[in-house]
Amino acid sequence: MTEHIIELNSSHLPQMAELFKSAFAGEPWNDDWSDSTQLMEYIKDISGARNALNFGLLTDGKLTAISIGSLRHWWEGTNYNIEEFCVAPEHRGKGAGSRFMELIEQEARKRGAAGIFLQTDNDKPSYRFYLKNGFNVLGAHVSLFKPIG
């Protein structure tokens, strides 16, 4: 089995969307991305940001994990902000996500990033994954949402 990281661009949008959909369709997320137009627009939105930096993990030539994000400048330094990170269901629990995160750290460091920032739900398996991979909880950081529709 061969694995390597690639930088993703707009030519990879269909593959990114398909992997994202499959990764979040099942437990524990159960996201309904059956509206393919909405899915593609979401992937375009988050992958096309200013200073976009999107990575893919190829396993034996097949896209098996993605990290969609961008470089953001902050007073403490430049961070790689991950909007979405996922591993194909059939590759979970085998170390692929951790290997991918290591490669992302190397690539982000090469581009001048001093850290990686992301948000996740603390009641999902991804929370434990990120803690295991050296991420720290920002105790004072809170995400807020207000429904308006």
C-alpha atoms as a PDB file:
ATOM      1  CA  MET A   1       0.000   0.000   0.000  1.00  0.00           C
ATOM      2  CA  THR A   2       1.419   3.373  -0.992  1.00  0.00           C
ATOM      3  CA  GLU A   3       0.235   6.651   0.504  1.00  0.00           C
ATOM      4  CA  HIS A   4       1.199  10.192  -0.345  1.00  0.00           C
ATOM      5  CA  ILE A   5      -0.182  13.692   0.045  1.00  0.00           C
ATOM      6  CA  ILE A   6      -1.231  15.928  -2.830  1.00  0.00           C
ATOM      7  CA  GLU A   7      -2.478  19.483  -2.990  1.00  0.00           C
ATOM      8  CA  LEU A   8      -6.060  19.557  -4.231  1.00  0.00           C
ATOM      9  CA  ASN A   9      -7.445  22.157  -6.637  1.00  0.00           C
ATOM     10  CA  SER A  10     -10.710  22.810  -8.486  1.00  0.00           C
ATOM     11  CA  SER A  11     -10.133  19.822 -10.790  1.00  0.00           C
ATOM     12  CA  HIS A  12     -10.591  17.578  -7.720  1.00  0.00           C
ATOM     13  CA  LEU A  13     -13.973  19.031  -6.676  1.00  0.00           C
ATOM     14  CA  PRO A  14     -16.097  16.016  -7.724  1.00  0.00           C
ATOM     15  CA  GLN A  15     -13.798  13.582  -5.896  1.00  0.00           C
ATOM     16  CA  MET A  16     -13.707  15.828  -2.828  1.00  0.00           C
ATOM     17  CA  ALA A  17     -17.497  16.079  -2.764  1.00  0.00           C
ATOM     18  CA  GLU A  18     -17.970  12.324  -3.124  1.00  0.00           C
ATOM     19  CA  LEU A  19     -15.491  11.510  -0.356  1.00  0.00           C
ATOM     20  CA  PHE A  20     -16.978  14.175   1.922  1.00  0.00           C
ATOM     21  CA  LYS A  21     -20.504  12.849   1.342  1.00  0.00           C
ATOM     22  CA  SER A  22     -19.515   9.242   2.081  1.00  0.00           C
ATOM     23  CA  ALA A  23     -17.513  10.226   5.158  1.00  0.00           C
ATOM     24  CA  PHE A  24     -20.370  12.070   6.849  1.00  0.00           C
ATOM     25  CA  ALA A  25     -23.369  10.014   5.649  1.00  0.00           C
ATOM     26  CA  GLY A  26     -23.176   7.401   8.387  1.00  0.00           C
ATOM     27  CA  GLU A  27     -22.925   7.310  12.164  1.00  0.00           C
ATOM     28  CA  PRO A  28     -22.429   9.393  14.153  1.00  0.00           C
ATOM     29  CA  TRP A  29     -23.067  12.360  11.838  1.00  0.00           C
ATOM     30  CA  ASN A  30     -25.843  11.104   9.543  1.00  0.00           C
ATOM     31  CA  ASP A  31     -25.545  14.202   7.336  1.00  0.00           C
ATOM     32  CA  ASP A  32     -27.981  14.213   4.427  1.00  0.00           C
ATOM     33  CA  TRP A  33     -26.038  15.518   1.414  1.00  0.00           C
ATOM     34  CA  SER A  34     -28.517  14.087  -1.107  1.00  0.00           C
ATOM     35  CA  ASP A  35     -28.838  17.533  -2.725  1.00  0.00           C
ATOM     36  CA  SER A  36     -25.791  17.286  -4.987  1.00  0.00           C
ATOM     37  CA  THR A  37     -25.968  20.968  -5.940  1.00  0.00           C
ATOM     38  CA  GLN A  38     -25.879  22.046  -2.296  1.00  0.00           C
ATOM     39  CA  LEU A  39     -22.990  19.640  -1.650  1.00  0.00           C
ATOM     40  CA  MET A  40     -20.932  20.926  -4.582  1.00  0.00           C
ATOM     41  CA  GLU A  41     -21.571  24.561  -3.625  1.00  0.00           C
ATOM     42  CA  TYR A  42     -20.448  23.838  -0.055  1.00  0.00           C
ATOM     43  CA  ILE A  43     -17.235  22.178  -1.229  1.00  0.00           C
ATOM     44  CA  LYS A  44     -16.581  25.111  -3.598  1.00  0.00           C
ATOM     45  CA  ASP A  45     -17.246  27.599  -0.777  1.00  0.00           C
ATOM     46  CA  ILE A  46     -14.785  26.099   1.661  1.00  0.00           C
ATOM     47  CA  SER A  47     -12.129  24.975  -0.816  1.00  0.00           C
ATOM     48  CA  GLY A  48     -11.952  28.246  -2.741  1.00  0.00           C
ATOM     49  CA  ALA A  49     -11.224  30.667   0.090  1.00  0.00           C
ATOM     50  CA  ARG A  50      -8.495  33.283  -0.132  1.00  0.00           C
ATOM     51  CA  ASN A  51      -5.211  31.482   0.600  1.00  0.00           C
ATOM     52  CA  ALA A  52      -6.950  28.115   0.134  1.00  0.00           C
ATOM     53  CA  LEU A  53      -4.829  25.122   1.040  1.00  0.00           C
ATOM     54  CA  ASN A  54      -6.516  21.792   0.382  1.00  0.00           C
ATOM     55  CA  PHE A  55      -4.835  18.429   0.765  1.00  0.00           C
ATOM     56  CA  GLY A  56      -5.687  14.902  -0.227  1.00  0.00           C
ATOM     57  CA  LEU A  57      -4.266  11.556   0.821  1.00  0.00           C
ATOM     58  CA  LEU A  58      -3.850   9.156  -2.058  1.00  0.00           C
ATOM     59  CA  THR A  59      -3.767   5.486  -1.141  1.00  0.00           C
ATOM     60  CA  ASP A  60      -2.746   3.290  -4.038  1.00  0.00           C
ATOM     61  CA  GLY A  61      -3.769   6.135  -6.347  1.00  0.00           C
ATOM     62  CA  LYS A  62      -7.241   6.643  -4.828  1.00  0.00           C
ATOM     63  CA  LEU A  63      -8.322   9.706  -2.815  1.00  0.00           C
ATOM     64  CA  THR A  64      -8.938   8.361   0.700  1.00  0.00           C
ATOM     65  CA  ALA A  65      -8.807  11.481   2.909  1.00  0.00           C
ATOM     66  CA  ILE A  66      -9.179  15.231   2.481  1.00  0.00           C
ATOM     67  CA  SER A  67      -8.367  18.351   4.430  1.00  0.00           C
ATOM     68  CA  ILE A  68     -10.043  21.503   3.169  1.00  0.00           C
ATOM     69  CA  GLY A  69      -8.798  24.760   4.587  1.00  0.00           C
ATOM     70  CA  SER A  70      -6.765  27.911   4.183  1.00  0.00           C
ATOM     71  CA  LEU A  71      -3.828  29.804   5.561  1.00  0.00           C
ATOM     72  CA  ARG A  72      -4.976  32.619   7.842  1.00  0.00           C
ATOM     73  CA  HIS A  73      -2.894  35.387   9.312  1.00  0.00           C
ATOM     74  CA  TRP A  74      -3.314  36.162  12.987  1.00  0.00           C
ATOM     75  CA  TRP A  75      -1.395  38.334  15.420  1.00  0.00           C
ATOM     76  CA  GLU A  76       0.277  35.213  16.845  1.00  0.00           C
ATOM     77  CA  GLY A  77       1.332  34.007  13.399  1.00  0.00           C
ATOM     78  CA  THR A  78      -0.050  32.238  10.373  1.00  0.00           C
ATOM     79  CA  ASN A  79      -2.265  29.205  10.942  1.00  0.00           C
ATOM     80  CA  TYR A  80      -3.593  26.490   8.690  1.00  0.00           C
ATOM     81  CA  ASN A  81      -7.330  26.607   9.441  1.00  0.00           C
ATOM     82  CA  ILE A  82      -9.056  23.329   8.630  1.00  0.00           C
ATOM     83  CA  GLU A  83     -12.697  23.721   7.636  1.00  0.00           C
ATOM     84  CA  GLU A  84     -13.294  20.026   6.926  1.00  0.00           C
ATOM     85  CA  PHE A  85     -11.185  16.930   7.484  1.00  0.00           C
ATOM     86  CA  CYS A  86     -12.350  13.429   6.734  1.00  0.00           C
ATOM     87  CA  VAL A  87     -11.175   9.929   5.963  1.00  0.00           C
ATOM     88  CA  ALA A  88     -13.071   7.471   3.774  1.00  0.00           C
ATOM     89  CA  PRO A  89     -15.069   5.086   5.993  1.00  0.00           C
ATOM     90  CA  GLU A  90     -13.182   2.010   4.774  1.00  0.00           C
ATOM     91  CA  HIS A  91      -9.844   3.553   5.813  1.00  0.00           C
ATOM     92  CA  ARG A  92     -10.799   4.652   9.334  1.00  0.00           C
ATOM     93  CA  GLY A  93      -9.229   3.025  12.357  1.00  0.00           C
ATOM     94  CA  LYS A  94      -6.131   1.964  10.438  1.00  0.00           C
ATOM     95  CA  GLY A  95      -3.907   4.967  11.156  1.00  0.00           C
ATOM     96  CA  ALA A  96      -4.535   6.700   7.818  1.00  0.00           C
ATOM     97  CA  GLY A  97      -5.960   9.827   9.453  1.00  0.00           C
ATOM     98  CA  SER A  98      -3.004  10.195  11.809  1.00  0.00           C
ATOM     99  CA  ARG A  99      -0.488   9.646   8.990  1.00  0.00           C
ATOM    100  CA  PHE A 100      -2.373  12.175   6.867  1.00  0.00           C
ATOM    101  CA  MET A 101      -2.346  14.722   9.726  1.00  0.00           C
ATOM    102  CA  GLU A 102       1.441  14.289  10.080  1.00  0.00           C
ATOM    103  CA  LEU A 103       1.881  14.985   6.364  1.00  0.00           C
ATOM    104  CA  ILE A 104      -0.420  18.015   6.594  1.00  0.00           C
ATOM    105  CA  GLU A 105       1.645  19.403   9.478  1.00  0.00           C
ATOM    106  CA  GLN A 106       4.824  19.052   7.410  1.00  0.00           C
ATOM    107  CA  GLU A 107       3.268  20.740   4.369  1.00  0.00           C
ATOM    108  CA  ALA A 108       1.685  23.552   6.411  1.00  0.00           C
ATOM    109  CA  ARG A 109       5.013  24.193   8.175  1.00  0.00           C
ATOM    110  CA  LYS A 110       6.742  24.465   4.775  1.00  0.00           C
ATOM    111  CA  ARG A 111       4.234  27.189   3.870  1.00  0.00           C
ATOM    112  CA  GLY A 112       4.971  29.186   7.011  1.00  0.00           C
ATOM    113  CA  ALA A 113       2.178  28.001   9.301  1.00  0.00           C
ATOM    114  CA  ALA A 114       2.902  28.136  13.016  1.00  0.00           C
ATOM    115  CA  GLY A 115      -0.164  26.108  13.990  1.00  0.00           C
ATOM    116  CA  ILE A 116      -3.295  24.322  12.874  1.00  0.00           C
ATOM    117  CA  PHE A 117      -6.738  25.461  13.981  1.00  0.00           C
ATOM    118  CA  LEU A 118     -10.004  23.549  13.626  1.00  0.00           C
ATOM    119  CA  GLN A 119     -13.355  23.065  15.263  1.00  0.00           C
ATOM    120  CA  THR A 120     -15.132  19.810  15.994  1.00  0.00           C
ATOM    121  CA  ASP A 121     -17.921  18.452  18.159  1.00  0.00           C
ATOM    122  CA  ASN A 122     -16.793  17.082  21.524  1.00  0.00           C
ATOM    123  CA  ASP A 123     -19.351  14.272  21.358  1.00  0.00           C
ATOM    124  CA  LYS A 124     -17.993  12.750  18.126  1.00  0.00           C
ATOM    125  CA  PRO A 125     -15.100  10.313  17.542  1.00  0.00           C
ATOM    126  CA  SER A 126     -13.210  13.083  15.725  1.00  0.00           C
ATOM    127  CA  TYR A 127     -12.745  14.887  19.060  1.00  0.00           C
ATOM    128  CA  ARG A 128     -10.741  11.985  20.487  1.00  0.00           C
ATOM    129  CA  PHE A 129      -8.844  11.660  17.189  1.00  0.00           C
ATOM    130  CA  TYR A 130      -7.671  15.280  17.347  1.00  0.00           C
ATOM    131  CA  LEU A 131      -6.687  15.017  21.022  1.00  0.00           C
ATOM    132  CA  LYS A 132      -4.712  11.861  20.227  1.00  0.00           C
ATOM    133  CA  ASN A 133      -2.934  13.756  17.453  1.00  0.00           C
ATOM    134  CA  GLY A 134      -1.703  16.543  19.739  1.00  0.00           C
ATOM    135  CA  PHE A 135      -4.455  19.158  19.447  1.00  0.00           C
ATOM    136  CA  ASN A 136      -5.399  21.122  22.564  1.00  0.00           C
ATOM    137  CA  VAL A 137      -8.822  22.310  23.639  1.00  0.00           C
ATOM    138  CA  LEU A 138      -9.058  26.102  23.697  1.00  0.00           C
ATOM    139  CA  GLY A 139     -10.884  26.461  26.997  1.00  0.00           C
ATOM    140  CA  ALA A 140     -12.171  29.982  26.420  1.00  0.00           C
ATOM    141  CA  HIS A 141     -13.114  29.423  22.769  1.00  0.00           C
ATOM    142  CA  VAL A 142     -16.830  29.023  22.135  1.00  0.00           C
ATOM    143  CA  SER A 143     -18.700  28.558  18.868  1.00  0.00           C
ATOM    144  CA  LEU A 144     -22.076  30.266  18.643  1.00  0.00           C
ATOM    145  CA  PHE A 145     -25.010  29.812  16.277  1.00  0.00           C
ATOM    146  CA  LYS A 146     -28.353  31.559  15.939  1.00  0.00           C
ATOM    147  CA  PRO A 147     -31.060  30.111  13.651  1.00  0.00           C
ATOM    148  CA  ILE A 148     -32.767  32.841  11.647  1.00  0.00           C
ATOM    149  CA  GLY A 149     -34.902  30.901   9.178  1.00  0.00           C
END
